[in-house]
Amino acid sequence: MERVTLEFPEAMIVHRHALSVRITDMNYGRHLAHDAVVTLLAEARAQAFAALSWPEWDMGGYPSVVADLSVMFQREARFPDELVIETAVPDPEGKALVVYHRILNHRQEPVATARVTLLLIDTTARKPVAIPAELTRALDAARGD
């Protein structure tokens, strides 16, 4: 089976979020469970956008939804490991907002890398809308562009 590789765009980092592996994040193999990884990524993403004053539930008047998610697991993490999740967001293209996450352990080694595609949804029309230019500017400012 061919392994998919996700490249993390370091130049596009907008936020870093520290957290630790909770006992409830463990699986029967006694390491960080895949479902817990998704939860930790959601927390880091929410923290990143909140830090930009763009909460995921109100991005220019529209909530965001996850359209797709890919995770590449690279090493184990265990309770009570300290982790940092870096969030990188390239410039939006069309109606998609692609968000990358990289989970690092205390040695700065990658635990997992993820790619999430968000869409902003007009809940009345039930269709995706364009990414607001103000959000693109906020991302540029966070990256120091």
C-alpha atoms as a PDB file:
ATOM      1  CA  MET A   1       0.000   0.000   0.000  1.00  0.00           C
ATOM      2  CA  GLU A   2       1.328   3.409  -0.970  1.00  0.00           C
ATOM      3  CA  ARG A   3       1.655   5.874   1.912  1.00  0.00           C
ATOM      4  CA  VAL A   4       0.359   9.373   1.283  1.00  0.00           C
ATOM      5  CA  THR A   5       2.728  12.123   2.428  1.00  0.00           C
ATOM      6  CA  LEU A   6       1.463  15.472   3.646  1.00  0.00           C
ATOM      7  CA  GLU A   7       3.879  18.386   3.404  1.00  0.00           C
ATOM      8  CA  PHE A   8       3.440  20.937   6.176  1.00  0.00           C
ATOM      9  CA  PRO A   9       3.846  24.530   4.874  1.00  0.00           C
ATOM     10  CA  GLU A  10       6.043  26.001   7.650  1.00  0.00           C
ATOM     11  CA  ALA A  11       6.093  29.470   6.082  1.00  0.00           C
ATOM     12  CA  MET A  12       2.305  29.648   6.497  1.00  0.00           C
ATOM     13  CA  ILE A  13       2.115  29.104  10.295  1.00  0.00           C
ATOM     14  CA  VAL A  14      -0.473  31.343  11.944  1.00  0.00           C
ATOM     15  CA  HIS A  15      -0.698  29.790  15.425  1.00  0.00           C
ATOM     16  CA  ARG A  16       0.859  27.363  17.908  1.00  0.00           C
ATOM     17  CA  HIS A  17      -1.211  25.678  20.618  1.00  0.00           C
ATOM     18  CA  ALA A  18       0.292  23.751  23.548  1.00  0.00           C
ATOM     19  CA  LEU A  19      -1.601  20.891  25.162  1.00  0.00           C
ATOM     20  CA  SER A  20      -0.966  17.539  26.766  1.00  0.00           C
ATOM     21  CA  VAL A  21      -2.197  14.033  26.076  1.00  0.00           C
ATOM     22  CA  ARG A  22      -5.036  13.276  28.477  1.00  0.00           C
ATOM     23  CA  ILE A  23      -5.619   9.803  29.887  1.00  0.00           C
ATOM     24  CA  THR A  24      -8.917   9.737  27.963  1.00  0.00           C
ATOM     25  CA  ASP A  25      -6.977  10.279  24.702  1.00  0.00           C
ATOM     26  CA  MET A  26      -5.350   6.844  24.981  1.00  0.00           C
ATOM     27  CA  ASN A  27      -6.371   3.743  23.037  1.00  0.00           C
ATOM     28  CA  TYR A  28      -5.962   0.044  23.834  1.00  0.00           C
ATOM     29  CA  GLY A  29      -2.393   0.219  22.467  1.00  0.00           C
ATOM     30  CA  ARG A  30      -1.682   2.745  25.264  1.00  0.00           C
ATOM     31  CA  HIS A  31      -0.919   5.603  22.887  1.00  0.00           C
ATOM     32  CA  LEU A  32      -2.782   8.586  21.443  1.00  0.00           C
ATOM     33  CA  ALA A  33      -5.912   7.302  19.685  1.00  0.00           C
ATOM     34  CA  HIS A  34      -6.814   8.377  16.158  1.00  0.00           C
ATOM     35  CA  ASP A  35     -10.191   9.779  17.229  1.00  0.00           C
ATOM     36  CA  ALA A  36      -8.477  11.817  19.945  1.00  0.00           C
ATOM     37  CA  VAL A  37      -6.096  13.241  17.323  1.00  0.00           C
ATOM     38  CA  VAL A  38      -9.096  14.594  15.401  1.00  0.00           C
ATOM     39  CA  THR A  39     -10.420  16.181  18.604  1.00  0.00           C
ATOM     40  CA  LEU A  40      -7.048  17.765  19.418  1.00  0.00           C
ATOM     41  CA  LEU A  41      -6.813  19.135  15.865  1.00  0.00           C
ATOM     42  CA  ALA A  42     -10.292  20.650  16.169  1.00  0.00           C
ATOM     43  CA  GLU A  43      -9.289  22.331  19.438  1.00  0.00           C
ATOM     44  CA  ALA A  44      -6.087  23.744  17.929  1.00  0.00           C
ATOM     45  CA  ARG A  45      -7.944  24.977  14.845  1.00  0.00           C
ATOM     46  CA  ALA A  46     -10.618  26.667  16.953  1.00  0.00           C
ATOM     47  CA  GLN A  47      -7.917  28.320  19.080  1.00  0.00           C
ATOM     48  CA  ALA A  48      -6.037  29.492  15.971  1.00  0.00           C
ATOM     49  CA  PHE A  49      -9.063  31.123  14.350  1.00  0.00           C
ATOM     50  CA  ALA A  50     -10.266  32.592  17.661  1.00  0.00           C
ATOM     51  CA  ALA A  51      -6.814  34.187  18.087  1.00  0.00           C
ATOM     52  CA  LEU A  52      -7.384  35.845  14.702  1.00  0.00           C
ATOM     53  CA  SER A  53     -10.863  37.002  15.839  1.00  0.00           C
ATOM     54  CA  TRP A  54     -12.448  34.684  13.261  1.00  0.00           C
ATOM     55  CA  PRO A  55     -14.275  31.977  15.258  1.00  0.00           C
ATOM     56  CA  GLU A  56     -15.131  28.934  13.144  1.00  0.00           C
ATOM     57  CA  TRP A  57     -18.855  29.328  13.807  1.00  0.00           C
ATOM     58  CA  ASP A  58     -18.894  32.929  12.498  1.00  0.00           C
ATOM     59  CA  MET A  59     -16.412  33.535   9.709  1.00  0.00           C
ATOM     60  CA  GLY A  60     -17.734  36.644   8.039  1.00  0.00           C
ATOM     61  CA  GLY A  61     -21.272  35.672   9.008  1.00  0.00           C
ATOM     62  CA  TYR A  62     -20.963  32.021   7.959  1.00  0.00           C
ATOM     63  CA  PRO A  63     -20.127  28.861   9.910  1.00  0.00           C
ATOM     64  CA  SER A  64     -17.325  26.644   8.649  1.00  0.00           C
ATOM     65  CA  VAL A  65     -17.694  22.927   8.057  1.00  0.00           C
ATOM     66  CA  VAL A  66     -15.045  20.293   7.491  1.00  0.00           C
ATOM     67  CA  ALA A  67     -15.273  19.031   3.912  1.00  0.00           C
ATOM     68  CA  ASP A  68     -12.326  16.663   4.147  1.00  0.00           C
ATOM     69  CA  LEU A  69      -9.608  15.524   6.516  1.00  0.00           C
ATOM     70  CA  SER A  70      -6.362  13.626   5.972  1.00  0.00           C
ATOM     71  CA  VAL A  71      -4.050  12.600   8.791  1.00  0.00           C
ATOM     72  CA  MET A  72      -0.569  11.127   8.460  1.00  0.00           C
ATOM     73  CA  PHE A  73       0.555   9.484  11.706  1.00  0.00           C
ATOM     74  CA  GLN A  74       4.305   9.656  12.277  1.00  0.00           C
ATOM     75  CA  ARG A  75       5.046   8.601  15.870  1.00  0.00           C
ATOM     76  CA  GLU A  76       3.309   7.664  19.069  1.00  0.00           C
ATOM     77  CA  ALA A  77       2.370  10.017  21.873  1.00  0.00           C
ATOM     78  CA  ARG A  78       1.323   8.860  25.322  1.00  0.00           C
ATOM     79  CA  PHE A  79      -0.203  10.211  28.518  1.00  0.00           C
ATOM     80  CA  PRO A  80       0.949  12.761  29.813  1.00  0.00           C
ATOM     81  CA  ASP A  81       3.167  13.900  26.899  1.00  0.00           C
ATOM     82  CA  GLU A  82       3.326  17.633  26.244  1.00  0.00           C
ATOM     83  CA  LEU A  83       2.506  18.501  22.628  1.00  0.00           C
ATOM     84  CA  VAL A  84       2.384  21.587  20.436  1.00  0.00           C
ATOM     85  CA  ILE A  85       0.024  21.803  17.492  1.00  0.00           C
ATOM     86  CA  GLU A  86       1.113  24.208  14.789  1.00  0.00           C
ATOM     87  CA  THR A  87      -1.574  25.537  12.463  1.00  0.00           C
ATOM     88  CA  ALA A  88      -0.672  26.775   8.985  1.00  0.00           C
ATOM     89  CA  VAL A  89      -3.120  28.281   6.514  1.00  0.00           C
ATOM     90  CA  PRO A  90      -2.121  29.054   2.916  1.00  0.00           C
ATOM     91  CA  ASP A  91      -4.007  31.731   0.997  1.00  0.00           C
ATOM     92  CA  PRO A  92      -7.534  30.543   0.237  1.00  0.00           C
ATOM     93  CA  GLU A  93      -8.357  29.484  -3.300  1.00  0.00           C
ATOM     94  CA  GLY A  94     -11.944  29.729  -4.462  1.00  0.00           C
ATOM     95  CA  LYS A  95     -14.381  28.610  -1.794  1.00  0.00           C
ATOM     96  CA  ALA A  96     -12.005  26.279   0.062  1.00  0.00           C
ATOM     97  CA  LEU A  97      -9.941  27.163   3.107  1.00  0.00           C
ATOM     98  CA  VAL A  98      -7.188  24.583   3.559  1.00  0.00           C
ATOM     99  CA  VAL A  99      -5.747  24.259   7.055  1.00  0.00           C
ATOM    100  CA  TYR A 100      -2.651  22.239   7.921  1.00  0.00           C
ATOM    101  CA  HIS A 101      -1.782  21.017  11.398  1.00  0.00           C
ATOM    102  CA  ARG A 102       1.422  19.488  12.693  1.00  0.00           C
ATOM    103  CA  ILE A 103       1.508  17.877  16.124  1.00  0.00           C
ATOM    104  CA  LEU A 104       4.979  17.979  17.676  1.00  0.00           C
ATOM    105  CA  ASN A 105       6.240  16.216  20.784  1.00  0.00           C
ATOM    106  CA  HIS A 106       8.557  17.810  23.345  1.00  0.00           C
ATOM    107  CA  ARG A 107      11.586  16.910  21.168  1.00  0.00           C
ATOM    108  CA  GLN A 108      10.007  18.831  18.253  1.00  0.00           C
ATOM    109  CA  GLU A 109       9.452  15.535  16.394  1.00  0.00           C
ATOM    110  CA  PRO A 110       6.239  15.208  14.374  1.00  0.00           C
ATOM    111  CA  VAL A 111       3.573  12.976  15.898  1.00  0.00           C
ATOM    112  CA  ALA A 112       1.081  13.613  13.088  1.00  0.00           C
ATOM    113  CA  THR A 113       0.497  15.963  10.170  1.00  0.00           C
ATOM    114  CA  ALA A 114      -3.006  16.771   8.954  1.00  0.00           C
ATOM    115  CA  ARG A 115      -4.752  18.616   6.156  1.00  0.00           C
ATOM    116  CA  VAL A 116      -8.311  19.875   6.658  1.00  0.00           C
ATOM    117  CA  THR A 117     -10.468  21.532   4.012  1.00  0.00           C
ATOM    118  CA  LEU A 118     -13.048  23.939   5.400  1.00  0.00           C
ATOM    119  CA  LEU A 119     -15.986  25.440   3.558  1.00  0.00           C
ATOM    120  CA  LEU A 120     -17.993  28.440   4.733  1.00  0.00           C
ATOM    121  CA  ILE A 121     -21.672  27.660   4.340  1.00  0.00           C
ATOM    122  CA  ASP A 122     -24.623  29.936   3.677  1.00  0.00           C
ATOM    123  CA  THR A 123     -27.072  28.070   5.899  1.00  0.00           C
ATOM    124  CA  THR A 124     -30.126  29.497   4.110  1.00  0.00           C
ATOM    125  CA  ALA A 125     -28.998  28.537   0.593  1.00  0.00           C
ATOM    126  CA  ARG A 126     -27.104  25.480   1.980  1.00  0.00           C
ATOM    127  CA  LYS A 127     -24.178  26.251  -0.332  1.00  0.00           C
ATOM    128  CA  PRO A 128     -20.531  27.230   0.102  1.00  0.00           C
ATOM    129  CA  VAL A 129     -19.629  30.908  -0.148  1.00  0.00           C
ATOM    130  CA  ALA A 130     -16.417  32.683  -1.120  1.00  0.00           C
ATOM    131  CA  ILE A 131     -13.774  33.175   1.571  1.00  0.00           C
ATOM    132  CA  PRO A 132     -13.994  36.806   2.776  1.00  0.00           C
ATOM    133  CA  ALA A 133     -11.082  39.035   1.776  1.00  0.00           C
ATOM    134  CA  GLU A 134     -10.892  40.216   5.402  1.00  0.00           C
ATOM    135  CA  LEU A 135     -10.049  36.661   6.488  1.00  0.00           C
ATOM    136  CA  THR A 136      -7.274  36.464   3.898  1.00  0.00           C
ATOM    137  CA  ARG A 137      -5.872  39.741   5.252  1.00  0.00           C
ATOM    138  CA  ALA A 138      -6.027  38.426   8.839  1.00  0.00           C
ATOM    139  CA  LEU A 139      -4.118  35.312   7.771  1.00  0.00           C
ATOM    140  CA  ASP A 140      -1.511  37.425   5.977  1.00  0.00           C
ATOM    141  CA  ALA A 141      -1.040  39.545   9.108  1.00  0.00           C
ATOM    142  CA  ALA A 142      -0.688  36.456  11.331  1.00  0.00           C
ATOM    143  CA  ARG A 143       2.016  35.070   9.015  1.00  0.00           C
ATOM    144  CA  GLY A 144       3.782  38.422   8.851  1.00  0.00           C
ATOM    145  CA  ASP A 145       3.190  38.685   5.068  1.00  0.00           C
END
